Amino acid sequence: MNREAKLLEIVAEVIEVDNVTLETKLNEDNWDSLAIVTFISEADTSFDLILSPESVGEVKSVAELAALI
């Protein structure tokens, strides 16, 4: 599985939706502090990197998350 596909899988799981694309918007309804912490944990494990809560919390779309990884 490539990085983009894995990212989409993680985000879909975290925000509890079936379909996620790079264009999927992240807002206060689906991108709260619990979602951010969960995403960071999954991304750290899957991509072997360390993301800051500040940078992850500032994103507005899945495409912006992709740019972080």
Protein backbone atom coordinates (compact mmCIF):
# COMPACT_ATOMS: atom_id res chain seq x y z
CA MET A 1 0.00 0.00 0.00
CA ASN A 2 1.43 3.37 -0.95
CA ARG A 3 1.70 6.32 1.44
CA GLU A 4 -1.32 8.16 0.04
CA ALA A 5 -3.57 5.12 0.28
CA LYS A 6 -2.40 4.45 3.85
CA LEU A 7 -3.00 8.10 4.77
CA LEU A 8 -6.54 7.97 3.37
CA GLU A 9 -7.20 4.75 5.29
CA ILE A 10 -5.96 6.27 8.56
CA VAL A 11 -7.99 9.46 8.14
CA ALA A 12 -11.15 7.53 7.25
CA GLU A 13 -10.75 5.45 10.37
CA VAL A 14 -10.02 8.45 12.59
CA ILE A 15 -12.93 10.61 11.39
CA GLU A 16 -15.21 7.57 11.08
CA VAL A 17 -16.30 7.88 7.46
CA ASP A 18 -16.26 5.41 4.59
CA ASN A 19 -14.76 7.52 1.81
CA VAL A 20 -11.94 10.01 2.15
CA THR A 21 -10.09 11.79 -0.65
CA LEU A 22 -7.33 14.36 -0.65
CA GLU A 23 -10.05 16.97 -1.09
CA THR A 24 -11.88 15.93 2.09
CA LYS A 25 -12.19 18.95 4.37
CA LEU A 26 -11.29 18.72 8.03
CA ASN A 27 -13.15 21.00 10.44
CA GLU A 28 -14.16 21.26 14.09
CA ASP A 29 -16.93 18.70 13.54
CA ASN A 30 -14.61 15.90 12.44
CA TRP A 31 -11.11 17.10 13.37
CA ASP A 32 -11.18 17.56 17.13
CA SER A 33 -8.37 17.05 19.63
CA LEU A 34 -9.08 13.32 19.99
CA ALA A 35 -8.98 12.86 16.21
CA ILE A 36 -5.71 14.79 16.01
CA VAL A 37 -4.03 12.73 18.74
CA THR A 38 -5.31 9.48 17.22
CA PHE A 39 -4.08 10.49 13.77
CA ILE A 40 -0.64 11.42 15.11
CA SER A 41 -0.33 8.06 16.85
CA GLU A 42 -1.34 6.11 13.74
CA ALA A 43 0.82 8.21 11.42
CA ASP A 44 3.85 7.95 13.70
CA THR A 45 3.54 4.16 13.64
CA SER A 46 2.69 3.79 9.95
CA PHE A 47 5.14 6.31 8.50
CA ASP A 48 7.89 6.23 11.15
CA LEU A 49 7.86 9.96 11.74
CA ILE A 50 7.01 12.40 14.49
CA LEU A 51 4.31 14.98 13.83
CA SER A 52 3.59 17.92 16.07
CA PRO A 53 0.05 18.41 17.37
CA GLU A 54 0.25 22.07 16.34
CA SER A 55 1.00 21.34 12.69
CA VAL A 56 -1.57 18.56 12.46
CA GLY A 57 -4.19 20.67 14.23
CA GLU A 58 -3.81 23.52 11.75
CA VAL A 59 -4.64 21.52 8.61
CA LYS A 60 -7.92 22.12 6.81
CA SER A 61 -7.90 19.18 4.37
CA VAL A 62 -6.49 15.72 3.87
CA ALA A 63 -4.21 17.16 1.16
CA GLU A 64 -2.57 19.34 3.82
CA LEU A 65 -2.02 16.24 5.96
CA ALA A 66 -0.43 14.53 2.97
CA ALA A 67 2.00 17.41 2.68
CA LEU A 68 3.11 16.77 6.28
CA ILE A 69 4.01 13.17 5.64
